[in-house]
Amino acid sequence: GMDFEGYVLSGLLDEALLAANRRLAAMLDGRYAVRRLAARTDRRLGAGLDIEVLDRWNALPRPAATLSGGEGFCASLALALGLAETVAAHAGARQLDALFIDEGFGTLDAETLETAIGVLEDLQRGDRLVGVISHVPELRERIPARLEVTPGRRGSRAEFRFG
């Protein structure tokens, strides 16, 4: 029940999931893996492009929507990085040089926040620009170059801060 385009996309998705799982294993101590569902979960959609999570603690699959906020954030970050790696591999080895993350850090416990920050710092050391939009104070302390936006009665004020 899959057309040719779906077949090609499912192969690319498998590549992205493989790359994502390498990242996700490091972020969450190998507990979770994301995988493609071969069967269609929604009859209105094409088969082969849905994702589920395998919980390796009990070897049971579950919907991705059942992950906690922190787990979901890590899975989303791993998927974004896996997709970037797959696109780079199919675009003449061109690396995507920038990654922007809007929020999501507020749902992380202290340990998962530390792991996520470590992953982002590794990306930055690998010559990638990593932009983060967040209200989490711990991030402010860890990010050396920041554009801080402060709301006010006469409009917002933006200021670059270093260190």
Protein backbone atom coordinates (compact mmCIF):
# COMPACT_ATOMS: atom_id res chain seq x y z
CA GLY A 1 0.00 0.00 0.00
CA MET A 2 2.89 2.41 -0.67
CA ASP A 3 3.55 4.38 -3.84
CA PHE A 4 7.05 4.94 -5.22
CA GLU A 5 7.42 8.38 -3.63
CA GLY A 6 6.44 6.95 -0.23
CA TYR A 7 8.93 4.13 -0.69
CA VAL A 8 11.78 6.57 -1.39
CA LEU A 9 10.75 8.81 1.51
CA SER A 10 10.56 5.85 3.87
CA GLY A 11 14.13 4.90 2.95
CA LEU A 12 15.32 8.45 3.67
CA LEU A 13 13.37 8.45 6.92
CA ASP A 14 15.11 5.20 7.91
CA GLU A 15 18.48 6.88 7.34
CA ALA A 16 17.46 9.89 9.42
CA LEU A 17 16.15 7.63 12.20
CA LEU A 18 19.40 5.66 12.28
CA ALA A 19 21.37 8.91 12.69
CA ALA A 20 18.83 10.17 15.26
CA ASN A 21 19.11 7.00 17.31
CA ARG A 22 22.88 7.42 17.61
CA ARG A 23 22.27 10.85 19.16
CA LEU A 24 19.29 9.77 21.24
CA ALA A 25 21.19 6.83 22.75
CA ALA A 26 23.84 9.23 24.04
CA MET A 27 21.26 11.69 25.37
CA LEU A 28 19.01 9.26 27.25
CA ASP A 29 21.41 6.46 28.19
CA GLY A 30 20.17 4.17 25.42
CA ARG A 31 16.68 3.81 26.85
CA TYR A 32 14.76 4.88 23.75
CA ALA A 33 14.97 4.34 20.02
CA VAL A 34 12.73 5.86 17.38
CA ARG A 35 11.59 3.71 14.49
CA ARG A 36 9.34 3.83 11.50
CA LEU A 37 6.03 2.02 11.62
CA ALA A 38 5.53 -0.14 8.55
CA ALA A 39 1.77 -0.24 9.04
CA ARG A 40 -0.52 2.71 8.55
CA THR A 41 -1.93 4.14 11.80
CA ASP A 42 -4.26 6.61 10.11
CA ARG A 43 -6.11 5.32 7.02
CA ARG A 44 -6.18 8.87 5.60
CA LEU A 45 -2.37 9.04 5.46
CA GLY A 46 0.19 7.16 3.41
CA ALA A 47 1.72 4.07 4.94
CA GLY A 48 5.28 3.87 6.16
CA LEU A 49 6.00 7.37 7.46
CA ASP A 50 4.66 7.19 11.03
CA ILE A 51 7.12 6.99 13.95
CA GLU A 52 6.95 5.18 17.26
CA VAL A 53 9.31 4.89 20.20
CA LEU A 54 10.81 1.64 21.42
CA ASP A 55 11.35 1.67 25.19
CA ARG A 56 14.35 -0.61 25.66
CA TRP A 57 13.71 -0.98 29.40
CA ASN A 58 10.67 -3.12 28.68
CA ALA A 59 11.11 -3.83 24.94
CA LEU A 60 7.68 -2.39 24.18
CA PRO A 61 6.81 0.13 21.46
CA ARG A 62 4.75 3.18 22.34
CA PRO A 63 3.49 6.31 20.61
CA ALA A 64 5.98 9.18 20.55
CA ALA A 65 3.34 11.42 22.16
CA THR A 66 3.66 9.41 25.41
CA LEU A 67 7.23 10.61 26.10
CA SER A 68 7.70 13.07 28.96
CA GLY A 69 8.49 16.68 28.12
CA GLY A 70 12.24 16.18 28.57
CA GLU A 71 12.28 12.87 26.70
CA GLY A 72 10.24 14.39 23.87
CA PHE A 73 12.62 17.34 23.66
CA CYS A 74 15.63 15.03 23.40
CA ALA A 75 13.87 12.87 20.80
CA SER A 76 12.97 15.97 18.76
CA LEU A 77 16.52 17.28 18.96
CA ALA A 78 17.92 13.88 17.94
CA LEU A 79 15.47 13.71 15.01
CA ALA A 80 16.40 17.23 13.85
CA LEU A 81 20.10 16.37 13.99
CA GLY A 82 19.52 13.03 12.26
CA LEU A 83 17.56 14.75 9.50
CA ALA A 84 20.31 17.37 9.10
CA GLU A 85 22.91 14.59 8.81
CA THR A 86 20.83 12.75 6.20
CA VAL A 87 20.21 15.90 4.15
CA ALA A 88 23.94 16.68 4.25
CA ALA A 89 24.77 13.16 3.07
CA HIS A 90 22.45 13.53 0.06
CA ALA A 91 23.39 17.11 -0.76
CA GLY A 92 26.99 16.56 -1.77
CA ALA A 93 28.23 16.33 1.85
CA ARG A 94 27.20 19.90 2.57
CA GLN A 95 26.79 20.37 6.27
CA LEU A 96 23.90 22.40 7.60
CA ASP A 97 25.84 25.11 9.40
CA ALA A 98 23.16 26.49 11.69
CA LEU A 99 20.62 25.08 14.11
CA PHE A 100 18.04 27.18 15.95
CA ILE A 101 16.06 25.83 18.89
CA ASP A 102 13.04 27.73 20.14
CA GLU A 103 12.23 26.93 23.78
CA GLY A 104 11.72 23.38 25.03
CA PHE A 105 14.36 23.60 27.74
CA GLY A 106 11.88 24.50 30.48
CA THR A 107 10.48 20.96 30.51
CA LEU A 108 13.86 19.35 31.21
CA ASP A 109 15.01 18.09 34.58
CA ALA A 110 18.52 19.15 35.67
CA GLU A 111 20.24 16.01 34.33
CA THR A 112 18.52 16.08 30.94
CA LEU A 113 19.16 19.83 30.65
CA GLU A 114 22.86 19.19 31.22
CA THR A 115 22.83 16.46 28.55
CA ALA A 116 21.03 18.69 26.02
CA ILE A 117 23.43 21.58 26.67
CA GLY A 118 26.36 19.20 26.20
CA VAL A 119 25.00 18.07 22.83
CA LEU A 120 24.58 21.68 21.71
CA GLU A 121 28.08 22.59 22.90
CA ASP A 122 29.49 19.64 20.92
CA LEU A 123 27.69 20.91 17.82
CA GLN A 124 29.11 24.37 18.35
CA ARG A 125 32.63 22.97 18.72
CA GLY A 126 32.02 21.21 15.40
CA ASP A 127 31.79 24.60 13.65
CA ARG A 128 28.02 24.92 13.73
CA LEU A 129 26.13 28.00 14.75
CA VAL A 130 23.66 27.06 17.46
CA GLY A 131 20.96 29.58 18.27
CA VAL A 132 18.79 29.05 21.34
CA ILE A 133 15.65 30.91 22.35
CA SER A 134 14.91 30.25 26.00
CA HIS A 135 13.81 31.66 29.33
CA VAL A 136 15.79 29.10 31.37
CA PRO A 137 18.32 30.91 33.62
CA GLU A 138 20.81 27.99 33.56
CA LEU A 139 21.21 28.46 29.82
CA ARG A 140 22.01 32.14 30.25
CA GLU A 141 24.97 31.17 32.43
CA ARG A 142 26.28 28.65 29.88
CA ILE A 143 25.92 30.64 26.67
CA PRO A 144 28.85 33.03 26.25
CA ALA A 145 27.36 35.27 23.51
CA ARG A 146 23.72 36.25 23.95
CA LEU A 147 21.18 38.62 22.52
CA GLU A 148 18.96 39.41 25.48
CA VAL A 149 15.53 40.91 24.81
CA THR A 150 13.87 42.75 27.70
CA PRO A 151 10.23 43.85 27.39
CA GLY A 152 9.28 47.34 28.54
CA ARG A 153 6.38 49.78 28.47
CA ARG A 154 7.81 51.59 25.45
CA GLY A 155 8.69 48.41 23.62
CA SER A 156 11.33 45.74 23.91
CA ARG A 157 15.04 46.44 24.27
CA ALA A 158 17.70 44.16 22.77
CA GLU A 159 21.28 44.01 24.00
CA PHE A 160 24.24 41.78 23.14
CA ARG A 161 26.04 40.30 26.14
CA PHE A 162 29.30 38.38 26.14
CA GLY A 163 30.64 36.15 28.89
